[in-house]
N, C-alpha and C. Protein backbone atom coordinates (compact mmCIF):
# COMPACT_ATOMS: atom_id res chain seq x y z
N MET A 1 -21.56 0.75 -18.48
CA MET A 1 -20.05 0.70 -18.03
C MET A 1 -20.19 1.09 -16.93
N ARG A 2 -19.33 -0.03 -15.85
CA ARG A 2 -19.30 -0.53 -14.34
C ARG A 2 -17.66 1.27 -13.83
N SER A 3 -19.19 1.54 -12.88
CA SER A 3 -18.03 2.92 -12.35
C SER A 3 -16.19 2.46 -11.78
N LEU A 4 -15.83 3.69 -11.61
CA LEU A 4 -14.62 3.32 -11.57
C LEU A 4 -14.63 2.28 -9.83
N TRP A 5 -15.72 2.80 -8.85
CA TRP A 5 -16.05 2.38 -7.54
C TRP A 5 -15.57 0.79 -8.43
N SER A 6 -16.46 0.25 -8.55
CA SER A 6 -16.48 -0.78 -9.09
C SER A 6 -15.39 -1.74 -9.00
N ARG A 7 -14.88 -0.99 -10.05
CA ARG A 7 -13.94 -1.68 -10.54
C ARG A 7 -12.20 -1.09 -9.41
N PHE A 8 -12.62 -0.16 -8.79
CA PHE A 8 -11.51 -0.42 -7.67
C PHE A 8 -11.89 -2.30 -6.50
N ASP A 9 -13.61 -2.05 -6.23
CA ASP A 9 -13.68 -3.35 -5.62
C ASP A 9 -13.51 -4.43 -6.06
N SER A 10 -13.03 -4.91 -7.22
CA SER A 10 -13.00 -5.68 -8.24
C SER A 10 -11.46 -5.59 -8.45
N GLY A 11 -10.61 -4.92 -8.10
CA GLY A 11 -9.17 -4.87 -7.96
C GLY A 11 -8.90 -4.47 -9.90
N ARG A 12 -9.97 -3.75 -10.79
CA ARG A 12 -9.54 -3.75 -11.70
C ARG A 12 -9.08 -2.04 -12.18
N ALA A 13 -8.84 -1.25 -11.42
CA ALA A 13 -8.92 0.11 -11.87
C ALA A 13 -8.00 0.38 -12.78
N TYR A 14 -7.00 -0.38 -12.36
CA TYR A 14 -5.45 -0.35 -13.07
C TYR A 14 -4.71 -1.93 -13.93
N PRO A 15 -6.40 -1.99 -14.59
CA PRO A 15 -5.56 -3.88 -15.41
C PRO A 15 -4.36 -3.52 -15.30
N GLY A 16 -3.20 -4.86 -15.46
CA GLY A 16 -2.18 -5.21 -15.48
C GLY A 16 -1.06 -4.63 -14.42
N ARG A 17 -1.48 -3.80 -13.81
CA ARG A 17 -0.25 -3.51 -12.60
C ARG A 17 -0.57 -4.08 -11.30
N VAL A 18 -2.33 -5.12 -11.09
CA VAL A 18 -1.65 -6.28 -9.96
C VAL A 18 -1.97 -7.55 -10.56
N GLY A 19 -1.51 -8.71 -9.42
CA GLY A 19 -1.55 -9.72 -10.19
C GLY A 19 -2.62 -10.76 -8.91
N ARG A 20 -2.11 -11.73 -8.55
CA ARG A 20 -2.62 -12.54 -7.94
C ARG A 20 -2.73 -12.21 -6.48
N GLU A 21 -2.03 -12.05 -6.37
CA GLU A 21 -1.09 -12.20 -5.07
C GLU A 21 -2.24 -12.13 -3.57
N ALA A 22 -2.90 -11.41 -4.11
CA ALA A 22 -4.06 -10.87 -3.29
C ALA A 22 -4.80 -12.64 -3.02
N LYS A 23 -4.79 -13.50 -3.30
CA LYS A 23 -5.29 -14.77 -3.41
C LYS A 23 -5.80 -15.76 -1.74
N CYS A 24 -4.09 -15.13 -1.38
CA CYS A 24 -4.45 -16.20 -0.15
C CYS A 24 -4.57 -14.74 1.08
N ALA A 25 -5.11 -13.36 1.11
CA ALA A 25 -4.61 -12.29 1.45
C ALA A 25 -5.32 -12.17 2.28
N GLY A 26 -6.13 -12.89 2.98
CA GLY A 26 -7.93 -12.34 3.49
C GLY A 26 -8.86 -11.40 3.40
N PHE A 27 -9.03 -11.19 2.61
CA PHE A 27 -9.28 -9.83 2.28
C PHE A 27 -11.44 -10.30 1.99
N GLU A 28 -12.13 -9.95 3.34
CA GLU A 28 -13.62 -9.84 3.04
C GLU A 28 -14.15 -10.02 1.88
N ASN A 29 -14.01 -8.74 0.81
CA ASN A 29 -14.58 -8.74 -0.46
C ASN A 29 -13.69 -10.13 -1.12
N PRO A 30 -14.64 -10.73 -1.52
CA PRO A 30 -14.02 -12.12 -2.39
C PRO A 30 -13.71 -11.35 -3.38
N ARG A 31 -13.86 -10.21 -3.88
CA ARG A 31 -13.97 -9.92 -5.64
C ARG A 31 -12.34 -8.99 -5.27
N GLU A 32 -12.28 -8.62 -3.82
CA GLU A 32 -10.63 -8.13 -3.91
C GLU A 32 -9.44 -9.30 -4.27
N LYS A 33 -9.93 -10.79 -4.49
CA LYS A 33 -9.05 -12.20 -4.54
C LYS A 33 -8.62 -11.96 -6.24
N SER A 34 -8.58 -10.96 -6.81
CA SER A 34 -8.51 -10.32 -8.44
C SER A 34 -7.74 -9.59 -8.41
N LEU A 35 -7.13 -8.78 -7.17
CA LEU A 35 -6.44 -7.66 -7.32
C LEU A 35 -4.78 -8.28 -7.86
N HIS A 36 -4.60 -9.39 -7.45
CA HIS A 36 -2.98 -9.78 -7.85
C HIS A 36 -2.93 -10.71 -8.44
N ARG A 37 -4.06 -11.28 -9.62
CA ARG A 37 -3.53 -12.39 -10.75
C ARG A 37 -2.28 -12.15 -11.32
N PHE A 38 -2.23 -11.76 -12.13
CA PHE A 38 -1.20 -11.05 -12.78
C PHE A 38 0.43 -10.97 -12.77
N LYS A 39 0.51 -10.38 -10.82
CA LYS A 39 1.32 -10.35 -10.50
C LYS A 39 1.91 -11.61 -10.03
N SER A 40 1.37 -12.82 -9.35
CA SER A 40 1.52 -14.42 -8.99
C SER A 40 2.06 -14.83 -9.94
N CYS A 41 1.69 -14.67 -11.25
CA CYS A 41 2.04 -15.48 -12.42
C CYS A 41 3.64 -14.83 -12.89
N THR A 42 3.41 -13.50 -12.81
CA THR A 42 5.07 -12.91 -12.65
C THR A 42 6.25 -13.90 -12.08
N LEU A 43 6.12 -13.53 -10.72
CA LEU A 43 6.51 -13.75 -9.48
C LEU A 43 6.87 -15.54 -10.24
N ARG A 44 6.14 -15.81 -10.50
CA ARG A 44 7.20 -17.38 -9.94
C ARG A 44 8.23 -18.36 -11.53
N PHE A 45 8.43 -17.44 -12.08
CA PHE A 45 9.62 -16.61 -12.80
C PHE A 45 9.86 -16.27 -12.70
N MET A 46 10.61 -15.34 -11.90
CA MET A 46 11.76 -14.81 -10.76
C MET A 46 12.90 -15.48 -10.39
N ASP A 47 14.02 -14.78 -10.29
CA ASP A 47 14.68 -15.25 -9.39
C ASP A 47 14.80 -15.72 -8.15
N LYS A 48 14.98 -17.13 -8.34
CA LYS A 48 15.03 -17.78 -6.92
C LYS A 48 15.47 -16.86 -5.53
N ASN A 49 16.65 -16.15 -6.22
CA ASN A 49 17.12 -15.54 -4.58
C ASN A 49 16.93 -13.94 -4.71
N LEU A 50 15.56 -13.80 -5.79
CA LEU A 50 15.20 -12.61 -5.26
C LEU A 50 14.70 -12.26 -3.79
N VAL A 51 14.95 -11.02 -3.34
CA VAL A 51 14.84 -10.25 -2.52
C VAL A 51 13.63 -9.51 -2.28
N LEU A 52 12.28 -9.97 -1.67
CA LEU A 52 10.81 -9.32 -2.05
C LEU A 52 10.62 -8.68 -0.60
N ILE A 53 10.54 -7.10 -1.06
CA ILE A 53 10.13 -6.37 0.00
C ILE A 53 9.06 -5.73 -0.52
N GLY A 54 7.86 -4.97 0.46
CA GLY A 54 6.34 -4.67 0.65
C GLY A 54 6.53 -3.44 1.05
N GLY A 55 5.61 -2.67 0.87
CA GLY A 55 5.43 -1.27 1.56
C GLY A 55 4.27 -0.89 1.00
N ALA A 56 4.11 0.08 2.13
CA ALA A 56 2.67 0.21 2.64
C ALA A 56 2.56 1.87 3.29
N ILE A 57 1.66 2.31 2.18
CA ILE A 57 1.64 3.50 2.10
C ILE A 57 0.06 3.44 2.60
N VAL A 58 -0.21 3.76 3.97
CA VAL A 58 -0.97 4.01 4.64
C VAL A 58 -1.45 5.19 4.68
N PHE A 59 -3.04 5.28 3.93
CA PHE A 59 -3.57 6.96 4.32
C PHE A 59 -5.29 7.04 5.10
N ASP A 60 -5.01 7.79 5.79
CA ASP A 60 -6.70 8.10 6.35
C ASP A 60 -7.25 8.98 6.50
N GLY A 61 -8.06 8.85 5.48
CA GLY A 61 -9.01 9.89 4.93
C GLY A 61 -10.36 10.50 5.23
N LYS A 62 -10.43 10.03 6.71
CA LYS A 62 -11.64 9.88 7.35
C LYS A 62 -12.40 11.00 7.93
N GLU A 63 -11.43 12.05 7.86
CA GLU A 63 -11.52 13.66 8.19
C GLU A 63 -10.98 14.83 7.28
N GLY A 64 -11.60 14.39 5.84
CA GLY A 64 -11.32 14.32 4.52
C GLY A 64 -9.81 14.27 3.60
N LYS A 65 -9.10 15.85 4.37
CA LYS A 65 -7.95 15.77 3.79
C LYS A 65 -6.79 14.20 4.09
N PRO A 66 -6.76 13.74 3.15
CA PRO A 66 -5.68 12.92 3.40
C PRO A 66 -4.75 12.61 4.10
N ARG A 67 -4.46 12.02 5.02
CA ARG A 67 -2.50 11.66 5.47
C ARG A 67 -2.17 10.85 5.77
N PHE A 68 -0.65 10.56 4.93
CA PHE A 68 -0.09 9.25 4.88
C PHE A 68 0.36 9.08 6.62
N PHE A 69 0.61 7.83 6.28
CA PHE A 69 1.87 7.21 7.60
C PHE A 69 3.39 7.00 7.16
N ILE A 70 3.97 7.60 7.93
CA ILE A 70 5.62 7.79 7.63
C ILE A 70 6.31 7.65 8.76
N ILE A 71 7.39 6.90 8.82
CA ILE A 71 8.22 5.91 9.78
C ILE A 71 9.57 6.88 9.58
N ARG A 72 10.58 7.16 10.98
CA ARG A 72 11.73 7.31 11.06
C ARG A 72 12.54 5.93 11.81
N GLN A 73 13.12 5.23 11.12
CA GLN A 73 13.87 4.60 11.75
C GLN A 73 14.95 4.96 13.35
N PRO A 74 15.40 3.83 14.07
CA PRO A 74 16.15 4.35 14.73
C PRO A 74 17.35 4.74 14.84
N GLU A 75 17.83 4.29 13.20
CA GLU A 75 19.01 4.33 12.96
C GLU A 75 19.47 5.24 12.19
N GLY A 76 17.94 5.43 11.47
CA GLY A 76 18.35 6.56 9.65
C GLY A 76 17.92 7.80 10.88
N ASP A 77 18.74 9.09 9.57
CA ASP A 77 18.70 10.53 9.74
C ASP A 77 16.94 11.01 9.06
N GLY A 78 17.06 9.87 7.76
CA GLY A 78 15.30 10.58 7.52
C GLY A 78 13.55 9.50 7.74
N TRP A 79 12.91 10.34 6.92
CA TRP A 79 11.71 9.80 6.96
C TRP A 79 11.26 8.51 5.58
N GLU A 80 10.79 7.52 5.55
CA GLU A 80 10.10 6.73 4.74
C GLU A 80 8.81 6.21 5.67
N ILE A 81 8.53 5.50 4.32
CA ILE A 81 7.25 4.63 3.90
C ILE A 81 7.25 3.66 4.70
N PRO A 82 7.12 3.00 5.76
CA PRO A 82 7.01 1.48 5.89
C PRO A 82 7.01 0.54 5.05
N LYS A 83 8.49 -0.84 5.72
CA LYS A 83 8.50 -1.35 4.41
C LYS A 83 8.65 -2.96 5.02
N VAL A 84 8.81 -3.45 4.79
CA VAL A 84 8.98 -5.23 4.74
C VAL A 84 9.15 -6.37 4.41
N LEU A 85 10.43 -6.74 4.64
CA LEU A 85 10.94 -8.39 3.81
C LEU A 85 9.75 -9.47 4.20
N VAL A 86 9.28 -9.94 2.53
CA VAL A 86 8.70 -10.67 2.07
C VAL A 86 9.04 -12.06 2.88
N ARG A 87 8.17 -13.17 3.49
CA ARG A 87 9.03 -13.94 4.17
C ARG A 87 8.73 -15.27 2.92
N LYS A 88 9.36 -16.09 3.23
CA LYS A 88 9.97 -17.09 2.17
C LYS A 88 7.94 -17.74 2.15
N GLY A 89 7.11 -18.54 0.58
CA GLY A 89 5.99 -18.68 1.32
C GLY A 89 4.83 -17.51 1.66
N GLU A 90 5.06 -16.62 1.61
CA GLU A 90 4.67 -15.23 1.58
C GLU A 90 3.75 -14.21 1.07
N SER A 91 2.97 -14.03 0.43
CA SER A 91 2.84 -12.70 -0.59
C SER A 91 3.16 -11.59 -0.12
N SER A 92 3.81 -10.49 -0.96
CA SER A 92 3.56 -9.17 -0.32
C SER A 92 2.84 -8.44 -0.54
N VAL A 93 1.38 -8.62 0.12
CA VAL A 93 0.59 -8.14 0.12
C VAL A 93 -0.19 -8.33 1.48
N ARG A 94 0.31 -10.01 1.75
CA ARG A 94 -0.16 -10.55 3.16
C ARG A 94 1.23 -9.63 4.29
N ALA A 95 2.25 -9.85 3.89
CA ALA A 95 2.99 -8.78 4.32
C ALA A 95 2.83 -7.62 4.68
N VAL A 96 2.53 -6.52 3.76
CA VAL A 96 2.04 -5.56 4.23
C VAL A 96 1.11 -5.59 5.57
N LEU A 97 -0.50 -6.47 5.31
CA LEU A 97 -1.23 -6.16 5.92
C LEU A 97 -0.71 -6.78 7.43
N ARG A 98 0.47 -7.88 8.13
CA ARG A 98 1.22 -8.72 8.48
C ARG A 98 1.43 -7.03 8.70
N LEU A 99 2.79 -6.37 8.45
CA LEU A 99 3.66 -5.37 9.14
C LEU A 99 2.88 -4.43 9.60
N MET A 100 1.28 -3.36 9.32
CA MET A 100 0.36 -2.59 9.96
C MET A 100 -0.26 -3.61 10.95
N GLY A 101 -0.48 -4.51 10.52
CA GLY A 101 -1.06 -5.17 11.47
C GLY A 101 -0.58 -5.50 12.98
N GLU A 102 0.89 -6.18 12.92
CA GLU A 102 1.71 -6.32 14.03
C GLU A 102 1.94 -5.17 14.45
N LYS A 103 2.62 -4.59 14.16
CA LYS A 103 3.90 -2.98 13.97
C LYS A 103 3.45 -1.46 14.09
N GLY A 104 2.08 -1.65 13.31
CA GLY A 104 0.67 0.26 13.25
C GLY A 104 -0.26 -0.43 14.54
N GLY A 105 -0.44 -1.58 14.65
CA GLY A 105 -1.69 -1.91 15.33
C GLY A 105 -2.86 -1.59 14.50
N MET A 106 -2.44 -1.70 13.61
CA MET A 106 -4.30 -1.26 12.42
C MET A 106 -4.59 -2.41 11.26
N SER A 107 -6.20 -2.04 11.20
CA SER A 107 -6.82 -3.15 10.50
C SER A 107 -6.59 -2.18 9.08
N THR A 108 -5.95 -3.00 7.96
CA THR A 108 -6.16 -1.83 6.82
C THR A 108 -6.64 -2.92 5.88
N ARG A 109 -6.99 -2.25 4.99
CA ARG A 109 -7.30 -2.48 3.34
C ARG A 109 -6.28 -2.09 2.20
N VAL A 110 -5.84 -2.98 1.22
CA VAL A 110 -4.79 -2.92 0.29
C VAL A 110 -5.77 -1.88 -0.95
N LEU A 111 -5.57 -1.19 -1.55
CA LEU A 111 -6.21 -0.57 -2.33
C LEU A 111 -5.50 -0.95 -3.92
N GLU A 112 -4.87 -0.41 -4.15
CA GLU A 112 -3.89 -0.89 -5.78
C GLU A 112 -2.68 -0.92 -5.30
N GLU A 113 -1.49 -1.05 -6.13
CA GLU A 113 -0.45 -0.90 -6.21
C GLU A 113 0.53 0.49 -6.52
N ALA A 114 0.82 1.02 -6.22
CA ALA A 114 1.16 2.39 -6.07
C ALA A 114 2.17 2.50 -7.31
N THR A 115 3.47 1.91 -6.72
CA THR A 115 4.70 1.81 -7.79
C THR A 115 5.39 0.60 -7.48
N ARG A 116 6.79 0.08 -8.20
CA ARG A 116 7.65 -1.69 -7.42
C ARG A 116 8.83 -0.98 -8.38
N THR A 117 9.96 -1.06 -7.58
CA THR A 117 10.69 -0.53 -8.05
C THR A 117 11.99 -2.60 -7.54
N GLY A 118 12.72 -1.72 -8.43
CA GLY A 118 14.28 -2.40 -8.29
C GLY A 118 15.57 -2.35 -7.89
N GLY A 119 16.65 -3.05 -7.44
CA GLY A 119 17.86 -2.83 -7.49
C GLY A 119 18.54 -4.23 -6.96
N VAL A 120 19.79 -4.11 -6.62
CA VAL A 120 20.60 -5.07 -6.29
C VAL A 120 21.05 -5.04 -4.26
N THR A 121 21.07 -5.63 -3.81
CA THR A 121 21.43 -5.85 -1.93
C THR A 121 22.45 -6.55 -2.20
N LYS A 122 23.16 -6.37 -0.83
CA LYS A 122 23.71 -7.68 -0.56
C LYS A 122 23.90 -8.12 0.63
N ILE A 123 23.79 -9.42 0.58
CA ILE A 123 23.46 -10.30 1.62
C ILE A 123 24.67 -10.96 1.86
N SER A 124 25.11 -11.50 2.69
CA SER A 124 26.59 -12.13 3.24
C SER A 124 27.69 -12.25 2.13
N GLY A 125 27.69 -10.71 2.02
CA GLY A 125 28.52 -10.10 0.47
C GLY A 125 28.23 -10.89 -0.69
N LYS A 126 27.31 -11.79 -1.05
CA LYS A 126 26.59 -11.95 -2.16
C LYS A 126 24.99 -10.68 -2.58
N SER A 127 25.91 -10.35 -3.80
CA SER A 127 24.56 -9.97 -4.48
C SER A 127 23.36 -10.24 -5.24
N SER A 128 22.58 -9.37 -4.47
CA SER A 128 20.93 -10.60 -4.66
C SER A 128 20.32 -9.25 -5.30
N PRO A 129 19.42 -9.77 -6.30
CA PRO A 129 18.14 -9.03 -7.05
C PRO A 129 17.41 -8.41 -6.14
N GLN A 130 17.03 -7.12 -5.98
CA GLN A 130 15.67 -7.12 -5.20
C GLN A 130 14.65 -5.87 -6.19
N ARG A 131 13.49 -6.56 -5.28
CA ARG A 131 11.94 -5.29 -5.71
C ARG A 131 11.37 -5.28 -4.52
N CYS A 132 10.87 -4.42 -4.89
CA CYS A 132 10.03 -3.46 -3.74
C CYS A 132 8.65 -3.00 -4.15
N ILE A 133 7.49 -4.16 -3.91
CA ILE A 133 6.37 -2.91 -4.39
C ILE A 133 5.73 -2.09 -3.26
N TYR A 134 5.44 -1.14 -3.90
CA TYR A 134 4.61 -0.02 -2.65
C TYR A 134 3.16 -0.01 -2.78
N TYR A 135 2.34 -0.29 -1.82
CA TYR A 135 0.94 -0.70 -1.95
C TYR A 135 0.01 0.70 -1.54
N LEU A 136 -0.73 1.00 -2.09
CA LEU A 136 -2.03 1.92 -1.32
C LEU A 136 -2.72 1.50 -0.47
N MET A 137 -2.91 1.80 0.98
CA MET A 137 -3.71 0.89 2.10
C MET A 137 -4.55 2.12 2.27
N LEU A 138 -5.75 1.71 2.52
CA LEU A 138 -7.01 2.43 3.50
C LEU A 138 -6.64 2.33 4.81
N LEU A 139 -7.17 2.65 5.30
CA LEU A 139 -7.04 2.17 7.41
C LEU A 139 -8.38 2.78 7.73
N ARG A 140 -8.60 1.44 8.28
CA ARG A 140 -9.80 1.28 8.08
C ARG A 140 -10.33 1.38 10.28
N SER A 141 -9.07 0.87 11.22
CA SER A 141 -9.13 1.45 12.82
C SER A 141 -7.93 0.91 12.97
N SER A 142 -7.61 1.85 14.38
CA SER A 142 -6.33 1.89 14.71
C SER A 142 -6.16 1.52 16.04
N SER A 143 -5.20 0.63 16.51
CA SER A 143 -6.05 1.21 17.79
C SER A 143 -4.64 2.80 18.92
N LYS A 144 -4.46 2.74 19.70
CA LYS A 144 -4.30 4.20 20.27
C LYS A 144 -3.07 4.41 20.36
N GLU A 145 -2.38 2.97 19.91
CA GLU A 145 -0.47 3.11 20.43
C GLU A 145 -0.05 1.85 18.98
N VAL A 146 0.97 2.51 18.77
CA VAL A 146 1.73 2.51 17.76
C VAL A 146 2.58 2.03 18.17
N ILE A 147 2.90 0.50 18.85
CA ILE A 147 3.85 -0.15 19.50
C ILE A 147 5.00 -0.56 18.73
N GLY A 148 5.54 -0.90 17.06
CA GLY A 148 6.87 -1.47 16.43
C GLY A 148 7.09 -0.07 15.66
N PHE A 149 6.85 0.90 15.81
CA PHE A 149 7.73 2.51 15.10
C PHE A 149 7.87 3.01 16.16
N GLU A 150 8.89 3.49 16.39
CA GLU A 150 9.25 4.43 17.63
C GLU A 150 9.13 5.52 17.61
N ASP A 151 9.80 5.93 16.08
CA ASP A 151 8.89 7.32 15.36
C ASP A 151 7.99 7.74 14.69
N TYR A 152 6.80 8.19 14.52
CA TYR A 152 6.24 7.68 13.30
C TYR A 152 4.86 9.54 13.44
N LEU A 153 4.37 9.88 12.28
CA LEU A 153 4.05 10.38 11.57
C LEU A 153 2.43 10.45 10.88
N TRP A 154 1.05 10.75 10.93
CA TRP A 154 0.89 11.09 10.53
C TRP A 154 0.68 12.74 9.69
N ALA A 155 0.95 12.39 8.55
CA ALA A 155 1.03 13.54 7.73
C ALA A 155 0.70 14.07 6.19
N ASP A 156 -0.24 15.48 6.27
CA ASP A 156 -0.76 15.74 4.93
C ASP A 156 0.43 15.50 3.89
N TYR A 157 -0.22 14.94 2.63
CA TYR A 157 0.38 14.76 1.75
C TYR A 157 2.21 16.25 0.99
N SER A 158 1.97 17.18 1.51
CA SER A 158 2.30 18.47 1.73
C SER A 158 3.54 18.06 2.16
N VAL A 159 3.72 17.87 3.64
CA VAL A 159 4.34 17.38 4.35
C VAL A 159 4.70 16.35 4.25
N ALA A 160 4.56 15.64 4.45
CA ALA A 160 5.31 14.13 3.77
C ALA A 160 6.45 13.66 2.32
N ILE A 161 5.72 14.08 1.75
CA ILE A 161 6.80 14.42 0.52
C ILE A 161 7.91 15.20 0.90
N LYS A 162 7.77 16.04 1.42
CA LYS A 162 9.22 16.91 1.22
C LYS A 162 9.87 16.41 3.13
N LYS A 163 9.30 15.09 3.65
CA LYS A 163 10.78 14.25 4.50
C LYS A 163 10.77 13.64 4.46
N LEU A 164 10.31 12.84 3.68
CA LEU A 164 10.21 11.44 2.60
C LEU A 164 12.27 11.78 2.52
N SER A 165 12.74 10.75 2.82
CA SER A 165 14.23 10.98 2.14
C SER A 165 14.72 10.43 0.92
N LEU A 166 14.00 9.27 0.40
CA LEU A 166 13.95 9.14 -1.11
C LEU A 166 13.50 9.16 -2.06
N LYS A 167 14.02 9.21 -3.39
CA LYS A 167 13.85 10.25 -4.70
C LYS A 167 12.31 8.66 -4.76
N LYS A 168 12.42 7.37 -4.57
CA LYS A 168 11.64 7.03 -5.44
C LYS A 168 10.50 6.58 -4.72
N GLU A 169 10.28 6.79 -3.35
CA GLU A 169 9.11 6.95 -2.15
C GLU A 169 8.33 7.76 -2.21
N ARG A 170 8.99 8.81 -3.08
CA ARG A 170 8.42 10.37 -3.37
C ARG A 170 7.35 10.50 -4.56
N THR A 171 7.89 9.48 -5.11
CA THR A 171 7.48 9.33 -6.50
C THR A 171 6.28 8.48 -6.37
N SER A 172 6.06 7.51 -5.47
CA SER A 172 5.53 6.67 -5.17
C SER A 172 4.35 7.11 -4.08
N ILE A 173 4.42 8.32 -3.64
CA ILE A 173 3.38 8.76 -2.38
C ILE A 173 2.85 9.83 -3.63
N LYS A 174 3.36 9.94 -4.79
CA LYS A 174 2.91 10.94 -5.29
C LYS A 174 1.99 10.42 -6.47
N ARG A 175 1.87 9.20 -6.42
CA ARG A 175 1.55 7.97 -7.37
C ARG A 175 0.20 7.52 -6.72
N ALA A 176 0.39 7.55 -5.41
CA ALA A 176 -0.94 7.44 -4.87
C ALA A 176 -1.90 7.87 -4.22
N LYS A 177 -1.31 9.43 -3.84
CA LYS A 177 -2.11 10.56 -4.08
C LYS A 177 -3.51 10.51 -4.96
N LYS A 178 -2.50 10.38 -6.50
CA LYS A 178 -3.63 10.10 -7.60
C LYS A 178 -4.32 9.26 -7.05
N ILE A 179 -4.75 8.46 -6.68
CA ILE A 179 -5.32 7.12 -6.60
C ILE A 179 -6.18 7.54 -5.31
N VAL A 180 -5.78 7.90 -4.05
CA VAL A 180 -6.49 8.47 -3.34
C VAL A 180 -7.39 9.39 -4.32
N ARG A 181 -7.05 10.24 -4.78
CA ARG A 181 -8.41 10.97 -5.15
C ARG A 181 -9.09 10.77 -5.80
N LEU A 182 -8.73 9.43 -6.79
CA LEU A 182 -9.83 8.90 -7.28
C LEU A 182 -10.80 7.86 -6.93
N TYR A 183 -10.19 7.80 -5.76
CA TYR A 183 -11.72 6.92 -4.61
C TYR A 183 -12.23 7.48 -4.35
N GLN A 184 -11.32 8.80 -3.63
CA GLN A 184 -12.23 9.31 -3.04
C GLN A 184 -13.61 10.26 -3.50
N LYS A 185 -13.37 10.61 -4.93
CA LYS A 185 -14.64 10.96 -5.89
C LYS A 185 -15.81 10.23 -5.89
N GLU A 186 -14.79 8.67 -6.39
CA GLU A 186 -15.97 7.95 -6.67
C GLU A 186 -16.82 7.82 -4.81
N ARG A 187 -15.99 7.62 -4.53
CA ARG A 187 -17.24 6.52 -3.14
C ARG A 187 -18.28 8.30 -2.40
N GLN A 188 -17.40 9.47 -3.05
CA GLN A 188 -18.51 10.59 -3.19
C GLN A 188 -19.32 10.64 -3.74
N ARG A 189 -19.39 9.97 -5.04
CA ARG A 189 -20.08 10.08 -6.32
C ARG A 189 -21.91 9.20 -5.26
N ARG A 190 -20.63 7.99 -4.42
CA ARG A 190 -21.71 6.59 -4.62
C ARG A 190 -22.45 6.70 -3.46
N MET A 191 -21.45 8.20 -2.50
CA MET A 191 -22.68 8.77 -1.65
C MET A 191 -24.03 9.55 -1.70
N LYS A 192 -23.89 10.40 -3.17
CA LYS A 192 -24.51 10.95 -3.51
C LYS A 192 -25.90 10.54 -3.96
N LEU A 193 -25.38 9.00 -5.16
CA LEU A 193 -26.71 8.42 -5.17
C LEU A 193 -27.29 7.78 -4.92
N ASN A 194 -26.59 6.91 -3.70
CA ASN A 194 -27.28 6.31 -2.83
C ASN A 194 -28.14 7.15 -1.18
N TYR A 195 -27.88 8.36 -1.28
CA TYR A 195 -28.60 9.21 -0.19
C TYR A 195 -28.39 10.40 -0.34
N PRO A 196 -29.10 10.80 -1.71
CA PRO A 196 -29.80 12.11 -1.93
C PRO A 196 -29.89 13.04 -1.08
N ASP A 197 -30.99 12.66 -0.20
CA ASP A 197 -31.14 13.37 0.93
C ASP A 197 -29.96 14.01 1.73
N LEU A 198 -28.51 13.20 1.78
CA LEU A 198 -27.74 14.48 2.97
C LEU A 198 -27.48 15.15 2.53
N GLU A 199 -27.12 16.27 3.64
CA GLU A 199 -26.44 17.22 2.66
C GLU A 199 -24.50 17.19 2.84
N TYR A 200 -24.13 17.35 1.81
CA TYR A 200 -22.38 16.87 1.69
C TYR A 200 -21.62 17.89 1.73
């Protein structure tokens, strides 16, 4: 039986919840391209007027207890998960990687789709279907300055879930925490297996 870590590595930790969108996302590990096989095929048959949004649930687990990155927009009074409008011809995975690279100054890795939500939005007075896909993303490295977000916070899960104003985003980060826990447990198991002489 394959380990959970290898399933994460190949994008099969949660079959059916992710698709082929990562095929052109520029992942270093070629096996991660399989992360989005299902979803891309699904999106092909969606309404051409669909407004697609990517949500970036970025966590930093370097200090043991994971911290999540949340922001507050200048015109808003609540905290939220960073989101970006997916451009025409762009995948939602590429969009969230671009968002955190350009605005957050971060190098990140998409681990898993956390949740997706649907709804309706208005553009020029016309209603259009909207879909938001939230991805759990691992912080790999970052610059000292976050230039694209005026107000941001690295928060423990207990703080982040209280600050988030939208119920769907509280649900998303709750789901993300469960995936993080599995990810960290499997990572520690592999470390013990590969380096048995180290103290943990």
